Protein backbone atom coordinates (compact mmCIF):
# COMPACT_ATOMS: atom_id res chain seq x y z
CA MET A 1 111.40 121.68 111.61
CA GLU A 2 108.59 124.53 112.38
CA THR A 3 105.18 123.78 110.80
CA LEU A 4 103.56 126.64 108.67
CA PHE A 5 100.08 127.23 109.60
CA PHE A 6 97.52 128.41 107.09
CA ASN A 7 94.05 129.88 106.56
CA TYR A 8 92.67 129.31 103.37
CA LYS A 9 89.98 132.07 104.32
CA GLN A 10 92.95 134.20 105.09
CA ASP A 11 95.88 133.89 102.64
CA SER A 12 95.42 134.05 99.08
CA ASN A 13 98.68 132.48 98.26
CA ILE A 14 98.07 129.68 100.06
CA ILE A 15 97.79 127.28 97.01
CA ASN A 16 101.56 128.86 95.46
CA LYS A 17 102.97 128.30 98.76
CA ALA A 18 101.72 124.84 99.40
CA SER A 19 102.43 123.59 95.86
CA SER A 20 106.14 125.07 96.15
CA ILE A 21 106.72 122.91 98.89
CA LEU A 22 105.43 119.67 97.85
CA LYS A 23 107.30 120.36 94.64
CA ASN A 24 110.79 120.04 96.58
CA GLY A 25 109.97 117.29 98.68
CA GLY A 26 107.99 118.84 101.58
CA ILE A 27 105.07 116.95 103.43
CA GLY A 28 101.79 118.80 104.11
CA ILE A 29 98.24 118.76 105.41
CA PHE A 30 95.18 119.80 103.95
CA PRO A 31 91.44 119.59 103.71
CA THR A 32 89.34 116.70 101.35
CA ASP A 33 85.69 116.63 100.86
CA THR A 34 86.12 113.59 103.23
CA VAL A 35 88.78 114.06 106.11
CA TYR A 36 92.14 115.84 106.24
CA GLY A 37 94.59 114.29 103.86
CA ILE A 38 98.29 114.09 104.56
CA GLY A 39 100.54 113.76 101.66
CA CYS A 40 103.08 114.85 99.15
CA ASN A 41 104.58 114.67 95.39
CA ALA A 42 103.26 111.47 94.41
CA LEU A 43 106.46 110.52 92.07
CA ASP A 44 109.01 111.78 95.28
CA ILE A 45 110.79 108.51 96.38
CA THR A 46 112.04 110.33 99.32
CA ALA A 47 109.07 112.03 100.16
CA LEU A 48 107.48 109.16 100.10
CA GLU A 49 109.46 107.41 102.60
CA LYS A 50 108.71 110.25 104.80
CA LEU A 51 105.30 110.03 104.79
CA TYR A 52 105.12 106.47 105.97
CA GLU A 53 107.67 107.17 108.48
CA LEU A 54 105.63 109.74 109.68
CA LYS A 55 102.15 107.77 109.63
CA GLU A 56 103.50 104.95 110.96
CA ARG A 57 102.43 102.87 108.32
CA ASN A 58 103.53 99.69 107.12
CA PHE A 59 105.52 99.66 103.81
CA ASN A 60 103.41 96.99 102.64
CA LYS A 61 100.30 98.56 102.66
CA PRO A 62 99.71 101.08 99.27
CA ILE A 63 98.95 104.73 99.23
CA ASN A 64 96.26 106.14 97.35
CA ILE A 65 96.94 109.04 94.98
CA LEU A 66 94.46 112.20 94.14
CA VAL A 67 94.32 114.29 90.73
CA SER A 68 92.92 117.50 89.90
CA ASN A 69 91.17 116.28 86.85
CA PRO A 70 90.28 112.51 85.24
CA ASN A 71 92.80 113.45 82.43
CA MET A 72 95.59 113.66 84.63
CA ILE A 73 95.64 109.73 85.27
CA ASN A 74 96.37 109.35 81.85
CA LYS A 75 100.21 109.47 82.60
CA PHE A 76 99.71 106.69 85.63
CA VAL A 77 97.17 104.02 84.78
CA LYS A 78 96.61 101.77 81.80
CA ASN A 79 93.64 99.60 80.43
CA ILE A 80 90.84 102.36 81.38
CA ASN A 81 87.77 99.90 80.72
CA LYS A 82 84.34 101.35 79.69
CA ILE A 83 83.13 100.91 83.25
CA LYS A 84 85.79 102.69 85.06
CA LYS A 85 85.23 105.74 82.35
CA LYS A 86 81.56 105.64 83.51
CA LEU A 87 82.30 105.57 87.38
CA ILE A 88 84.45 108.47 86.57
CA LYS A 89 82.21 110.29 84.35
CA LEU A 90 79.64 109.80 87.31
CA PHE A 91 81.39 110.15 90.19
CA TRP A 92 84.23 112.64 90.03
CA PRO A 93 84.97 115.11 91.88
CA GLY A 94 83.54 113.12 94.49
CA ALA A 95 84.35 110.45 97.55
CA LEU A 96 85.13 107.43 94.92
CA THR A 97 88.74 105.66 94.87
CA ILE A 98 88.85 103.67 91.84
CA ILE A 99 91.49 100.87 91.62
CA PHE A 100 93.99 100.75 88.44
CA ASN A 101 96.56 98.99 86.50
CA LYS A 102 99.57 101.08 87.47
CA SER A 103 101.86 102.62 84.52
CA ASN A 104 105.40 102.29 84.79
CA ILE A 105 105.81 105.57 86.35
CA VAL A 106 104.54 105.05 89.29
CA PRO A 107 107.04 104.60 91.76
CA LYS A 108 106.92 100.96 93.33
CA ILE A 109 107.08 102.05 97.07
CA LEU A 110 103.67 103.90 96.47
CA THR A 111 101.64 100.99 95.84
CA ALA A 112 103.79 98.43 98.14
CA GLY A 113 104.88 96.96 94.82
CA LEU A 114 101.46 95.89 93.76
CA ASP A 115 100.32 96.53 89.67
CA THR A 116 97.32 98.38 90.84
CA VAL A 117 96.98 101.87 92.42
CA GLY A 118 94.38 103.81 93.54
CA ILE A 119 93.25 106.93 92.20
CA ARG A 120 90.47 109.86 92.77
CA MET A 121 89.66 113.17 92.19
CA PRO A 122 88.39 115.04 95.32
CA ASN A 123 85.69 117.35 95.67
CA ASN A 124 87.36 120.29 97.43
CA LYS A 125 88.28 123.37 96.20
CA ILE A 126 91.76 123.70 98.04
CA ALA A 127 92.74 120.24 97.40
CA ILE A 128 91.99 120.39 93.82
CA GLU A 129 94.23 123.86 93.23
CA ILE A 130 97.27 122.49 94.80
CA ILE A 131 97.37 119.08 92.75
CA ASP A 132 96.74 121.50 89.72
CA LYS A 133 99.42 123.85 90.92
CA LEU A 134 101.84 121.47 91.40
CA GLY A 135 101.00 119.32 87.95
CA VAL A 136 101.05 115.80 89.32
CA PRO A 137 99.38 113.77 91.49
CA ILE A 138 99.26 113.96 95.14
CA ALA A 139 100.20 110.72 97.44
CA ALA A 140 97.24 111.05 99.94
CA SER A 141 96.32 109.46 102.98
CA SER A 142 93.83 110.23 105.68
CA ALA A 143 95.73 112.84 108.48
CA ASN A 144 96.64 110.76 111.08
CA ILE A 145 98.80 107.50 112.93
CA SER A 146 97.81 104.26 111.30
CA GLY A 147 95.21 102.86 113.16
CA LYS A 148 93.94 106.14 114.73
CA VAL A 149 90.99 107.59 114.12
CA PRO A 150 91.01 110.21 110.54
CA ALA A 151 91.26 113.60 111.62
CA THR A 152 88.58 116.05 110.37
CA ASN A 153 90.07 119.13 111.95
CA ILE A 154 93.26 120.51 113.11
CA ASN A 155 92.96 119.91 116.71
CA ASN A 156 92.80 116.11 115.89
CA ILE A 157 95.95 116.83 114.08
CA ILE A 158 98.15 118.80 115.93
CA LYS A 159 97.25 115.39 118.87
CA ASP A 160 98.68 113.31 116.59
CA ASN A 161 101.85 114.96 116.67
CA PHE A 162 102.46 115.95 113.00
CA ASN A 163 102.75 119.56 114.69
CA ASN A 164 106.75 120.82 113.83
CA LYS A 165 107.00 117.16 111.99
CA ILE A 166 105.60 118.04 108.31
CA ASP A 167 106.07 121.13 106.21
CA PHE A 168 102.46 122.73 106.68
CA ILE A 169 99.24 122.06 107.55
CA ILE A 170 96.12 124.27 105.71
CA ASN A 171 93.16 125.09 108.11
CA ASP A 172 89.89 124.68 106.64
CA GLY A 173 87.46 124.47 109.52
CA GLU A 174 85.65 120.84 109.99
CA THR A 175 85.64 118.39 107.28
CA TYR A 176 83.63 115.18 106.91
CA ASN A 177 83.73 112.02 108.73
CA ILE A 178 83.01 109.45 105.92
CA PRO A 179 85.67 107.97 103.86
CA SER A 180 85.81 107.91 100.86
CA THR A 181 84.47 104.52 98.97
CA ILE A 182 87.09 102.17 97.39
CA VAL A 183 85.79 99.72 93.97
CA ARG A 184 88.11 97.65 92.05
CA VAL A 185 86.11 96.33 88.48
CA GLU A 186 86.36 92.65 87.88
CA ASN A 187 84.89 90.97 84.97
CA ASP A 188 83.01 93.39 84.32
CA GLU A 189 81.65 93.82 87.19
CA ILE A 190 82.06 96.37 90.42
CA ARG A 191 83.93 94.92 93.96
CA ILE A 192 83.59 97.12 96.80
CA LEU A 193 86.18 97.12 98.78
CA ARG A 194 85.23 99.74 100.90
CA GLU A 195 81.95 101.59 101.25
CA GLY A 196 81.66 105.13 102.37
CA SER A 197 79.83 108.11 101.68
CA ILE A 198 79.06 106.32 98.41
CA THR A 199 76.95 103.24 98.23
CA LYS A 200 76.61 100.31 96.80
CA ASN A 201 72.93 101.63 96.40
CA ASP A 202 73.98 104.76 94.77
CA ILE A 203 76.27 102.62 91.95
CA LEU A 204 73.50 100.46 91.26
CA LYS A 205 71.04 103.22 90.84
CA CYS A 206 73.65 105.04 88.54
CA PHE A 207 74.21 102.13 86.16
CA GLY A 208 70.95 101.55 86.46
CA GLY A 209 71.14 98.13 87.73
CA ASN A 210 72.74 96.62 84.65
CA ILE A 211 75.69 95.61 86.20
CA ASN A 212 76.81 93.62 89.30
CA VAL A 213 77.98 95.15 92.38
CA ARG A 214 79.22 93.30 95.53
């Protein structure tokens, strides 16, 4: 396989090309507002299996999904309570991954058999446009072999030997090296599973201190 290299600033048709590849079961690397992501159609089980294998990721570790707008989550989750709705309103698009109860449409391989799925809406034009054109969420993880440092530029990605093993790479320069914050809402409080660029204090301030965050 020969990996296609796209430069967003030089190719105006990148979005159509990338979304078409993903729609047909391909795997691609693209920039986000945190680090470069590697992903595929979140509903394509064969592509999901390949994504795990490429990253050398253990199948008992879930992979989160990216959406292009808040309404896209409706088919994929259940029980969106008022706290989750407020988190979406306050922090999407942005670097906040929220854990939801998943619907039956979400493949079990994506969630490692769990009844929950992590979702976020990235604050990145390229990622948003690809997902929007694809019409379904992208299952995405950081563009690195599991256990290695997440990639913030194309050179890091090539060093991780994804070249000629995936369908495309979109180069948009350097990204930020801070992962998303992951939260779960439990019993009307917010539990931070991983603190990234959005901190505990950021969440507390936005809620006016009227909620427990731990």
